[in-house]
PDB file of N, CA and C in Angstrom:
ATOM      1  N   MET A   1     -23.642 -12.196 -34.138  1.00  0.00           N
ATOM      2  CA  MET A   1     -24.142 -12.081 -35.449  1.00  0.00           C
ATOM      3  C   MET A   1     -23.041 -11.409 -36.392  1.00  0.00           C
ATOM      4  N   ILE A   2     -22.219 -10.845 -35.991  1.00  0.00           N
ATOM      5  CA  ILE A   2     -21.068 -10.400 -36.792  1.00  0.00           C
ATOM      6  C   ILE A   2     -20.169 -11.857 -37.528  1.00  0.00           C
ATOM      7  N   LEU A   3     -19.850 -12.579 -36.440  1.00  0.00           N
ATOM      8  CA  LEU A   3     -19.226 -13.725 -36.883  1.00  0.00           C
ATOM      9  C   LEU A   3     -20.133 -14.375 -38.137  1.00  0.00           C
ATOM     10  N   GLN A   4     -21.274 -14.405 -38.053  1.00  0.00           N
ATOM     11  CA  GLN A   4     -22.066 -15.337 -39.240  1.00  0.00           C
ATOM     12  C   GLN A   4     -21.783 -14.387 -40.617  1.00  0.00           C
ATOM     13  N   PHE A   5     -21.474 -13.258 -40.410  1.00  0.00           N
ATOM     14  CA  PHE A   5     -21.477 -12.366 -41.883  1.00  0.00           C
ATOM     15  C   PHE A   5     -19.743 -12.674 -42.414  1.00  0.00           C
ATOM     16  N   TRP A   6     -18.934 -13.157 -41.677  1.00  0.00           N
ATOM     17  CA  TRP A   6     -17.494 -12.981 -41.853  1.00  0.00           C
ATOM     18  C   TRP A   6     -17.150 -13.660 -43.411  1.00  0.00           C
ATOM     19  N   SER A   7     -17.796 -14.900 -43.352  1.00  0.00           N
ATOM     20  CA  SER A   7     -17.444 -15.446 -44.878  1.00  0.00           C
ATOM     21  C   SER A   7     -17.923 -14.867 -45.966  1.00  0.00           C
ATOM     22  N   GLU A   8     -19.070 -14.503 -46.049  1.00  0.00           N
ATOM     23  CA  GLU A   8     -19.775 -14.051 -47.089  1.00  0.00           C
ATOM     24  C   GLU A   8     -19.182 -12.403 -47.337  1.00  0.00           C
ATOM     25  N   THR A   9     -18.966 -11.885 -46.409  1.00  0.00           N
ATOM     26  CA  THR A   9     -18.424 -10.406 -46.538  1.00  0.00           C
ATOM     27  C   THR A   9     -17.033 -10.077 -47.354  1.00  0.00           C
ATOM     28  N   VAL A  10     -16.324 -11.167 -47.210  1.00  0.00           N
ATOM     29  CA  VAL A  10     -15.012 -11.420 -48.142  1.00  0.00           C
ATOM     30  C   VAL A  10     -15.587 -11.077 -49.688  1.00  0.00           C
ATOM     31  N   VAL A  11     -16.673 -11.744 -49.890  1.00  0.00           N
ATOM     32  CA  VAL A  11     -16.799 -11.942 -51.639  1.00  0.00           C
ATOM     33  C   VAL A  11     -17.984 -11.201 -51.786  1.00  0.00           C
ATOM     34  N   ASP A  12     -18.848 -10.491 -50.885  1.00  0.00           N
ATOM     35  CA  ASP A  12     -19.986  -9.835 -51.185  1.00  0.00           C
ATOM     36  C   ASP A  12     -19.724  -8.358 -50.772  1.00  0.00           C
ATOM     37  N   ALA A  13     -19.495  -7.614 -51.884  1.00  0.00           N
ATOM     38  CA  ALA A  13     -19.014  -6.124 -51.490  1.00  0.00           C
ATOM     39  C   ALA A  13     -20.607  -5.418 -50.906  1.00  0.00           C
ATOM     40  N   ASP A  14     -21.794  -5.757 -51.185  1.00  0.00           N
ATOM     41  CA  ASP A  14     -22.635  -5.091 -50.618  1.00  0.00           C
ATOM     42  C   ASP A  14     -22.995  -5.375 -49.149  1.00  0.00           C
ATOM     43  N   LEU A  15     -22.819  -6.675 -48.743  1.00  0.00           N
ATOM     44  CA  LEU A  15     -22.970  -7.418 -47.520  1.00  0.00           C
ATOM     45  C   LEU A  15     -21.786  -6.773 -46.644  1.00  0.00           C
ATOM     46  N   HIS A  16     -20.640  -6.652 -47.259  1.00  0.00           N
ATOM     47  CA  HIS A  16     -19.628  -6.084 -46.648  1.00  0.00           C
ATOM     48  C   HIS A  16     -19.858  -4.665 -46.041  1.00  0.00           C
ATOM     49  N   ALA A  17     -20.434  -3.936 -46.983  1.00  0.00           N
ATOM     50  CA  ALA A  17     -20.609  -2.312 -46.816  1.00  0.00           C
ATOM     51  C   ALA A  17     -21.812  -2.499 -45.444  1.00  0.00           C
ATOM     52  N   VAL A  18     -22.542  -3.480 -45.481  1.00  0.00           N
ATOM     53  CA  VAL A  18     -23.850  -3.499 -44.384  1.00  0.00           C
ATOM     54  C   VAL A  18     -23.115  -3.776 -43.052  1.00  0.00           C
ATOM     55  N   LEU A  19     -22.063  -4.800 -43.328  1.00  0.00           N
ATOM     56  CA  LEU A  19     -21.688  -5.158 -41.866  1.00  0.00           C
ATOM     57  C   LEU A  19     -20.609  -4.329 -41.072  1.00  0.00           C
ATOM     58  N   VAL A  20     -19.935  -3.610 -42.177  1.00  0.00           N
ATOM     59  CA  VAL A  20     -19.067  -2.470 -41.774  1.00  0.00           C
ATOM     60  C   VAL A  20     -19.902  -1.379 -41.152  1.00  0.00           C
ATOM     61  N   GLU A  21     -21.040  -0.990 -41.545  1.00  0.00           N
ATOM     62  CA  GLU A  21     -21.981  -0.029 -40.974  1.00  0.00           C
ATOM     63  C   GLU A  21     -22.115  -0.178 -39.766  1.00  0.00           C
ATOM     64  N   GLN A  22     -22.859  -1.625 -39.693  1.00  0.00           N
ATOM     65  CA  GLN A  22     -23.561  -2.077 -38.236  1.00  0.00           C
ATOM     66  C   GLN A  22     -22.375  -2.191 -37.263  1.00  0.00           C
ATOM     67  N   ILE A  23     -21.130  -2.578 -37.561  1.00  0.00           N
ATOM     68  CA  ILE A  23     -20.177  -2.699 -36.581  1.00  0.00           C
ATOM     69  C   ILE A  23     -19.821  -1.111 -36.395  1.00  0.00           C
ATOM     70  N   GLU A  24     -19.421  -0.111 -37.031  1.00  0.00           N
ATOM     71  CA  GLU A  24     -19.464   0.990 -36.802  1.00  0.00           C
ATOM     72  C   GLU A  24     -20.288   1.439 -35.874  1.00  0.00           C
ATOM     73  N   ARG A  25     -21.706   1.447 -35.932  1.00  0.00           N
ATOM     74  CA  ARG A  25     -22.575   1.742 -34.843  1.00  0.00           C
ATOM     75  C   ARG A  25     -22.558   1.302 -33.636  1.00  0.00           C
ATOM     76  N   LEU A  26     -21.887  -0.416 -33.752  1.00  0.00           N
ATOM     77  CA  LEU A  26     -21.881  -0.702 -32.405  1.00  0.00           C
ATOM     78  C   LEU A  26     -20.670  -0.215 -31.711  1.00  0.00           C
ATOM     79  N   ARG A  27     -19.411   0.188 -32.565  1.00  0.00           N
ATOM     80  CA  ARG A  27     -18.234   0.690 -32.189  1.00  0.00           C
ATOM     81  C   ARG A  27     -18.503   2.268 -31.401  1.00  0.00           C
ATOM     82  N   ALA A  28     -19.406   2.826 -32.021  1.00  0.00           N
ATOM     83  CA  ALA A  28     -19.853   4.113 -31.656  1.00  0.00           C
ATOM     84  C   ALA A  28     -20.511   4.144 -30.246  1.00  0.00           C
ATOM     85  N   SER A  29     -21.462   3.245 -30.147  1.00  0.00           N
ATOM     86  CA  SER A  29     -22.065   3.128 -28.829  1.00  0.00           C
ATOM     87  C   SER A  29     -21.108   2.613 -27.660  1.00  0.00           C
ATOM     88  N   VAL A  30     -20.124   1.449 -28.026  1.00  0.00           N
ATOM     89  CA  VAL A  30     -19.321   1.131 -26.967  1.00  0.00           C
ATOM     90  C   VAL A  30     -18.465   2.346 -26.725  1.00  0.00           C
ATOM     91  N   GLN A  31     -17.868   2.965 -27.675  1.00  0.00           N
ATOM     92  CA  GLN A  31     -17.298   4.273 -27.463  1.00  0.00           C
ATOM     93  C   GLN A  31     -17.840   5.132 -26.497  1.00  0.00           C
ATOM     94  N   GLN A  32     -19.027   5.438 -26.814  1.00  0.00           N
ATOM     95  CA  GLN A  32     -20.008   6.507 -25.677  1.00  0.00           C
ATOM     96  C   GLN A  32     -19.978   6.009 -24.472  1.00  0.00           C
ATOM     97  N   ALA A  33     -20.118   4.729 -24.403  1.00  0.00           N
ATOM     98  CA  ALA A  33     -20.056   4.251 -23.073  1.00  0.00           C
ATOM     99  C   ALA A  33     -18.869   4.166 -22.281  1.00  0.00           C
ATOM    100  N   LEU A  34     -17.843   4.232 -22.959  1.00  0.00           N
ATOM    101  CA  LEU A  34     -16.658   4.211 -22.381  1.00  0.00           C
ATOM    102  C   LEU A  34     -16.016   5.452 -22.022  1.00  0.00           C
ATOM    103  N   LEU A  35     -16.499   6.553 -22.563  1.00  0.00           N
ATOM    104  CA  LEU A  35     -15.877   7.817 -22.326  1.00  0.00           C
ATOM    105  C   LEU A  35     -16.010   8.358 -20.727  1.00  0.00           C
ATOM    106  N   PRO A  36     -16.565   7.948 -19.799  1.00  0.00           N
ATOM    107  CA  PRO A  36     -16.692   8.373 -18.700  1.00  0.00           C
ATOM    108  C   PRO A  36     -15.332   7.644 -18.152  1.00  0.00           C
ATOM    109  N   TRP A  37     -15.208   6.340 -18.375  1.00  0.00           N
ATOM    110  CA  TRP A  37     -13.886   5.713 -18.047  1.00  0.00           C
ATOM    111  C   TRP A  37     -12.761   6.230 -18.395  1.00  0.00           C
ATOM    112  N   ALA A  38     -12.857   6.537 -19.633  1.00  0.00           N
ATOM    113  CA  ALA A  38     -11.489   7.255 -20.435  1.00  0.00           C
ATOM    114  C   ALA A  38     -11.092   8.634 -19.892  1.00  0.00           C
ATOM    115  N   ALA A  39     -12.082   9.548 -19.438  1.00  0.00           N
ATOM    116  CA  ALA A  39     -11.906  10.626 -18.846  1.00  0.00           C
ATOM    117  C   ALA A  39     -11.371  10.490 -17.431  1.00  0.00           C
ATOM    118  N   ALA A  40     -11.838   9.571 -16.996  1.00  0.00           N
ATOM    119  CA  ALA A  40     -11.182   9.443 -15.576  1.00  0.00           C
ATOM    120  C   ALA A  40      -9.799   8.716 -15.527  1.00  0.00           C
ATOM    121  N   GLN A  41      -9.145   8.330 -16.816  1.00  0.00           N
ATOM    122  CA  GLN A  41      -7.862   7.790 -16.649  1.00  0.00           C
ATOM    123  C   GLN A  41      -6.943   8.911 -16.465  1.00  0.00           C
ATOM    124  N   PRO A  42      -5.821   8.614 -15.385  1.00  0.00           N
ATOM    125  CA  PRO A  42      -4.946   9.729 -15.165  1.00  0.00           C
ATOM    126  C   PRO A  42      -3.928  10.282 -16.738  1.00  0.00           C
ATOM    127  N   ALA A  43      -3.645   9.182 -16.928  1.00  0.00           N
ATOM    128  CA  ALA A  43      -2.496   9.332 -18.027  1.00  0.00           C
ATOM    129  C   ALA A  43      -3.302   9.761 -19.309  1.00  0.00           C
ATOM    130  N   SER A  44      -4.521   9.960 -19.272  1.00  0.00           N
ATOM    131  CA  SER A  44      -5.102  10.307 -20.812  1.00  0.00           C
ATOM    132  C   SER A  44      -5.232  11.672 -20.933  1.00  0.00           C
ATOM    133  N   ASP A  45      -4.810  12.312 -22.010  1.00  0.00           N
ATOM    134  CA  ASP A  45      -4.857  13.691 -22.294  1.00  0.00           C
ATOM    135  C   ASP A  45      -5.971  13.664 -23.557  1.00  0.00           C
ATOM    136  N   ASP A  46      -6.522  12.546 -24.039  1.00  0.00           N
ATOM    137  CA  ASP A  46      -7.438  12.560 -25.058  1.00  0.00           C
ATOM    138  C   ASP A  46      -8.486  11.520 -24.784  1.00  0.00           C
ATOM    139  N   ALA A  47      -9.414  11.820 -24.099  1.00  0.00           N
ATOM    140  CA  ALA A  47     -10.371  10.701 -23.697  1.00  0.00           C
ATOM    141  C   ALA A  47     -11.266  10.248 -24.608  1.00  0.00           C
ATOM    142  N   VAL A  48     -11.405  10.591 -25.815  1.00  0.00           N
ATOM    143  CA  VAL A  48     -12.176  10.658 -26.939  1.00  0.00           C
ATOM    144  C   VAL A  48     -11.489   9.397 -27.562  1.00  0.00           C
ATOM    145  N   GLY A  49     -10.079   9.877 -28.136  1.00  0.00           N
ATOM    146  CA  GLY A  49      -9.207   8.859 -28.811  1.00  0.00           C
ATOM    147  C   GLY A  49      -9.203   7.924 -27.745  1.00  0.00           C
ATOM    148  N   LEU A  50      -8.804   7.611 -26.300  1.00  0.00           N
ATOM    149  CA  LEU A  50      -8.571   6.501 -25.565  1.00  0.00           C
ATOM    150  C   LEU A  50     -10.029   5.462 -25.745  1.00  0.00           C
ATOM    151  N   ALA A  51     -11.164   6.261 -25.638  1.00  0.00           N
ATOM    152  CA  ALA A  51     -12.678   5.417 -25.742  1.00  0.00           C
ATOM    153  C   ALA A  51     -12.500   4.854 -27.005  1.00  0.00           C
ATOM    154  N   HIS A  52     -12.248   5.600 -28.203  1.00  0.00           N
ATOM    155  CA  HIS A  52     -12.350   5.026 -29.596  1.00  0.00           C
ATOM    156  C   HIS A  52     -11.358   3.821 -29.623  1.00  0.00           C
ATOM    157  N   ARG A  53     -10.213   3.954 -29.490  1.00  0.00           N
ATOM    158  CA  ARG A  53      -9.202   2.693 -29.522  1.00  0.00           C
ATOM    159  C   ARG A  53      -9.729   1.529 -28.670  1.00  0.00           C
ATOM    160  N   THR A  54      -9.967   1.889 -27.285  1.00  0.00           N
ATOM    161  CA  THR A  54     -10.809   0.802 -26.390  1.00  0.00           C
ATOM    162  C   THR A  54     -11.774   0.418 -26.909  1.00  0.00           C
ATOM    163  N   ALA A  55     -12.586   0.851 -27.511  1.00  0.00           N
ATOM    164  CA  ALA A  55     -13.766   0.301 -28.135  1.00  0.00           C
ATOM    165  C   ALA A  55     -13.474  -0.754 -29.066  1.00  0.00           C
ATOM    166  N   GLN A  56     -12.441  -0.187 -30.115  1.00  0.00           N
ATOM    167  CA  GLN A  56     -11.998  -0.820 -31.401  1.00  0.00           C
ATOM    168  C   GLN A  56     -11.490  -2.065 -30.572  1.00  0.00           C
ATOM    169  N   ALA A  57     -10.819  -2.267 -29.805  1.00  0.00           N
ATOM    170  CA  ALA A  57     -10.050  -3.363 -29.179  1.00  0.00           C
ATOM    171  C   ALA A  57     -11.073  -4.396 -28.361  1.00  0.00           C
ATOM    172  N   ARG A  58     -11.975  -3.623 -27.783  1.00  0.00           N
ATOM    173  CA  ARG A  58     -13.003  -4.525 -27.303  1.00  0.00           C
ATOM    174  C   ARG A  58     -13.821  -5.358 -28.249  1.00  0.00           C
ATOM    175  N   LEU A  59     -14.129  -4.879 -29.283  1.00  0.00           N
ATOM    176  CA  LEU A  59     -14.972  -5.462 -30.449  1.00  0.00           C
ATOM    177  C   LEU A  59     -14.024  -6.414 -31.017  1.00  0.00           C
ATOM    178  N   ILE A  60     -12.729  -6.308 -31.368  1.00  0.00           N
ATOM    179  CA  ILE A  60     -11.817  -7.093 -31.760  1.00  0.00           C
ATOM    180  C   ILE A  60     -11.657  -8.246 -30.959  1.00  0.00           C
ATOM    181  N   MET A  61     -11.524  -8.169 -29.444  1.00  0.00           N
ATOM    182  CA  MET A  61     -11.228  -9.353 -28.695  1.00  0.00           C
ATOM    183  C   MET A  61     -12.803 -10.164 -28.599  1.00  0.00           C
ATOM    184  N   ALA A  62     -13.707  -9.500 -28.661  1.00  0.00           N
ATOM    185  CA  ALA A  62     -15.201  -9.966 -28.421  1.00  0.00           C
ATOM    186  C   ALA A  62     -15.500 -10.848 -29.328  1.00  0.00           C
ATOM    187  N   GLN A  63     -14.797 -11.031 -30.776  1.00  0.00           N
ATOM    188  CA  GLN A  63     -15.135 -11.840 -31.941  1.00  0.00           C
ATOM    189  C   GLN A  63     -14.048 -12.823 -31.506  1.00  0.00           C
ATOM    190  N   GLY A  64     -12.857 -12.967 -30.945  1.00  0.00           N
ATOM    191  CA  GLY A  64     -12.372 -14.046 -30.455  1.00  0.00           C
ATOM    192  C   GLY A  64     -12.966 -14.663 -29.464  1.00  0.00           C
ATOM    193  N   TYR A  65     -13.414 -14.106 -28.386  1.00  0.00           N
ATOM    194  CA  TYR A  65     -14.131 -14.678 -27.267  1.00  0.00           C
ATOM    195  C   TYR A  65     -15.133 -15.414 -27.696  1.00  0.00           C
ATOM    196  N   LEU A  66     -15.815 -14.953 -28.542  1.00  0.00           N
ATOM    197  CA  LEU A  66     -17.316 -15.414 -29.229  1.00  0.00           C
ATOM    198  C   LEU A  66     -16.741 -16.919 -29.993  1.00  0.00           C
ATOM    199  N   ALA A  67     -15.587 -16.675 -30.684  1.00  0.00           N
ATOM    200  CA  ALA A  67     -15.224 -17.785 -31.688  1.00  0.00           C
ATOM    201  C   ALA A  67     -14.876 -19.085 -30.363  1.00  0.00           C
ATOM    202  N   ASN A  68     -14.063 -18.602 -29.384  1.00  0.00           N
ATOM    203  CA  ASN A  68     -13.704 -19.498 -28.352  1.00  0.00           C
ATOM    204  C   ASN A  68     -14.951 -20.281 -27.506  1.00  0.00           C
ATOM    205  N   ARG A  69     -15.827 -19.424 -27.321  1.00  0.00           N
ATOM    206  CA  ARG A  69     -16.980 -20.025 -26.639  1.00  0.00           C
ATOM    207  C   ARG A  69     -17.901 -20.792 -27.395  1.00  0.00           C
ATOM    208  N   THR A  70     -18.115 -20.378 -28.715  1.00  0.00           N
ATOM    209  CA  THR A  70     -18.967 -21.324 -29.507  1.00  0.00           C
ATOM    210  C   THR A  70     -18.469 -22.268 -30.475  1.00  0.00           C
ATOM    211  N   LEU A  71     -17.052 -22.209 -30.816  1.00  0.00           N
ATOM    212  CA  LEU A  71     -16.503 -23.156 -31.570  1.00  0.00           C
ATOM    213  C   LEU A  71     -15.209 -23.963 -31.009  1.00  0.00           C
ATOM    214  N   LEU A  72     -14.580 -23.213 -30.103  1.00  0.00           N
ATOM    215  CA  LEU A  72     -13.430 -23.873 -29.703  1.00  0.00           C
ATOM    216  C   LEU A  72     -13.183 -24.648 -28.193  1.00  0.00           C
ATOM    217  N   GLY A  73     -13.973 -23.708 -27.343  1.00  0.00           N
ATOM    218  CA  GLY A  73     -14.125 -24.090 -26.096  1.00  0.00           C
ATOM    219  C   GLY A  73     -12.716 -24.318 -25.138  1.00  0.00           C
ATOM    220  N   TRP A  74     -11.575 -23.501 -25.854  1.00  0.00           N
ATOM    221  CA  TRP A  74     -10.534 -23.868 -24.758  1.00  0.00           C
ATOM    222  C   TRP A  74     -10.494 -23.263 -23.788  1.00  0.00           C
ATOM    223  N   MET A  75     -11.031 -22.020 -23.422  1.00  0.00           N
ATOM    224  CA  MET A  75     -11.161 -21.267 -22.102  1.00  0.00           C
ATOM    225  C   MET A  75     -12.586 -21.055 -21.734  1.00  0.00           C
ATOM    226  N   SER A  76     -12.761 -21.092 -20.325  1.00  0.00           N
ATOM    227  CA  SER A  76     -13.942 -20.836 -19.705  1.00  0.00           C
ATOM    228  C   SER A  76     -13.955 -19.189 -19.785  1.00  0.00           C
ATOM    229  N   ALA A  77     -15.171 -18.508 -19.419  1.00  0.00           N
ATOM    230  CA  ALA A  77     -15.080 -17.041 -19.341  1.00  0.00           C
ATOM    231  C   ALA A  77     -14.041 -16.548 -18.381  1.00  0.00           C
ATOM    232  N   GLN A  78     -14.142 -17.243 -17.194  1.00  0.00           N
ATOM    233  CA  GLN A  78     -13.170 -16.669 -16.221  1.00  0.00           C
ATOM    234  C   GLN A  78     -11.725 -16.783 -16.637  1.00  0.00           C
ATOM    235  N   ASP A  79     -11.284 -17.898 -17.111  1.00  0.00           N
ATOM    236  CA  ASP A  79      -9.976 -18.198 -17.664  1.00  0.00           C
ATOM    237  C   ASP A  79      -9.698 -17.154 -18.726  1.00  0.00           C
ATOM    238  N   TYR A  80     -10.602 -16.674 -19.641  1.00  0.00           N
ATOM    239  CA  TYR A  80     -10.452 -15.712 -20.537  1.00  0.00           C
ATOM    240  C   TYR A  80     -10.099 -14.218 -20.219  1.00  0.00           C
ATOM    241  N   LEU A  81     -11.000 -13.960 -19.090  1.00  0.00           N
ATOM    242  CA  LEU A  81     -10.919 -12.532 -18.477  1.00  0.00           C
ATOM    243  C   LEU A  81      -9.546 -12.731 -17.711  1.00  0.00           C
ATOM    244  N   GLU A  82      -8.798 -13.912 -17.190  1.00  0.00           N
ATOM    245  CA  GLU A  82      -7.614 -13.855 -16.478  1.00  0.00           C
ATOM    246  C   GLU A  82      -6.438 -13.737 -17.244  1.00  0.00           C
ATOM    247  N   SER A  83      -6.815 -14.475 -18.384  1.00  0.00           N
ATOM    248  CA  SER A  83      -5.607 -14.125 -19.766  1.00  0.00           C
ATOM    249  C   SER A  83      -5.396 -12.704 -20.150  1.00  0.00           C
ATOM    250  N   VAL A  84      -6.523 -12.283 -20.298  1.00  0.00           N
ATOM    251  CA  VAL A  84      -6.838 -10.848 -20.691  1.00  0.00           C
ATOM    252  C   VAL A  84      -6.181  -9.818 -20.117  1.00  0.00           C
ATOM    253  N   ALA A  85      -6.559 -10.109 -18.578  1.00  0.00           N
ATOM    254  CA  ALA A  85      -5.528  -9.299 -17.612  1.00  0.00           C
ATOM    255  C   ALA A  85      -4.184  -9.315 -17.463  1.00  0.00           C
ATOM    256  N   THR A  86      -3.908 -10.465 -17.636  1.00  0.00           N
ATOM    257  CA  THR A  86      -2.311 -10.893 -17.622  1.00  0.00           C
ATOM    258  C   THR A  86      -1.715 -10.359 -18.892  1.00  0.00           C
ATOM    259  N   ALA A  87      -2.275 -10.854 -20.022  1.00  0.00           N
ATOM    260  CA  ALA A  87      -1.729 -10.107 -21.264  1.00  0.00           C
ATOM    261  C   ALA A  87      -1.552  -8.745 -21.435  1.00  0.00           C
ATOM    262  N   PHE A  88      -2.647  -8.072 -21.022  1.00  0.00           N
ATOM    263  CA  PHE A  88      -2.731  -6.569 -21.174  1.00  0.00           C
ATOM    264  C   PHE A  88      -2.562  -5.730 -19.869  1.00  0.00           C
ATOM    265  N   GLY A  89      -2.281  -6.225 -19.167  1.00  0.00           N
ATOM    266  CA  GLY A  89      -2.216  -5.611 -17.667  1.00  0.00           C
ATOM    267  C   GLY A  89      -0.701  -4.490 -17.769  1.00  0.00           C
ATOM    268  N   GLN A  90       0.249  -4.908 -18.539  1.00  0.00           N
ATOM    269  CA  GLN A  90       1.278  -3.992 -18.540  1.00  0.00           C
ATOM    270  C   GLN A  90       0.990  -3.246 -19.917  1.00  0.00           C
ATOM    271  N   PRO A  91       1.371  -1.966 -20.335  1.00  0.00           N
ATOM    272  CA  PRO A  91       1.506  -1.284 -21.599  1.00  0.00           C
ATOM    273  C   PRO A  91       2.568  -2.141 -22.442  1.00  0.00           C
ATOM    274  N   VAL A  92       2.279  -2.229 -23.802  1.00  0.00           N
ATOM    275  CA  VAL A  92       2.956  -2.372 -24.710  1.00  0.00           C
ATOM    276  C   VAL A  92       3.307  -1.485 -25.487  1.00  0.00           C
ATOM    277  N   ARG A  93       4.712  -1.542 -26.069  1.00  0.00           N
ATOM    278  CA  ARG A  93       5.138  -0.746 -27.160  1.00  0.00           C
ATOM    279  C   ARG A  93       4.182  -1.094 -28.335  1.00  0.00           C
ATOM    280  N   SER A  94       3.961   0.044 -28.981  1.00  0.00           N
ATOM    281  CA  SER A  94       3.268  -0.017 -30.385  1.00  0.00           C
ATOM    282  C   SER A  94       4.204  -0.688 -31.414  1.00  0.00           C
ATOM    283  N   GLN A  95       3.565  -1.733 -32.407  1.00  0.00           N
ATOM    284  CA  GLN A  95       4.415  -2.318 -33.251  1.00  0.00           C
ATOM    285  C   GLN A  95       3.614  -1.873 -34.722  1.00  0.00           C
ATOM    286  N   PRO A  96       4.301  -1.975 -35.485  1.00  0.00           N
ATOM    287  CA  PRO A  96       3.770  -1.691 -36.856  1.00  0.00           C
ATOM    288  C   PRO A  96       2.647  -2.999 -37.347  1.00  0.00           C
ATOM    289  N   ASP A  97       1.761  -2.534 -37.739  1.00  0.00           N
ATOM    290  CA  ASP A  97       0.573  -3.731 -38.194  1.00  0.00           C
ATOM    291  C   ASP A  97       1.535  -4.385 -39.377  1.00  0.00           C
ATOM    292  N   PRO A  98       1.880  -5.850 -39.406  1.00  0.00           N
ATOM    293  CA  PRO A  98       2.421  -6.346 -40.671  1.00  0.00           C
ATOM    294  C   PRO A  98       1.423  -6.909 -41.529  1.00  0.00           C
ATOM    295  N   VAL A  99      -0.148  -6.612 -41.549  1.00  0.00           N
ATOM    296  CA  VAL A  99      -1.207  -6.876 -42.146  1.00  0.00           C
ATOM    297  C   VAL A  99      -1.760  -5.569 -42.343  1.00  0.00           C
ATOM    298  N   PRO A 100      -1.874  -5.198 -43.628  1.00  0.00           N
ATOM    299  CA  PRO A 100      -2.633  -3.810 -43.999  1.00  0.00           C
ATOM    300  C   PRO A 100      -4.070  -4.007 -43.411  1.00  0.00           C
ATOM    301  N   ALA A 101      -4.707  -3.141 -43.063  1.00  0.00           N
ATOM    302  CA  ALA A 101      -6.208  -3.123 -42.416  1.00  0.00           C
ATOM    303  C   ALA A 101      -6.964  -2.879 -43.856  1.00  0.00           C
ATOM    304  N   VAL A 102      -8.168  -3.912 -43.928  1.00  0.00           N
ATOM    305  CA  VAL A 102      -9.036  -3.853 -44.901  1.00  0.00           C
ATOM    306  C   VAL A 102      -9.977  -2.730 -45.206  1.00  0.00           C
TER     307      VAL A 102
END
């Protein structure tokens, strides 16, 4: 459903506000579900922050996954999961975001 709103939310401020509210509710739910996992991570001294960042990343990656499965078809679900594990299996240095967040 989020994908369907992308094009309109760029030009419609009211629809953008609705989308942001709904995505934030979804992110909060995912964050809550991730809290037990985040608290169990040995290197985490901030379980809430880890759950928050992980929930954001999951939602970002989910949109790419949906685009792949519905539009592109480049990867099967298994290929996607394997590539994510390979790509994100090792910690990466934080880099400044070249594109400002909206």
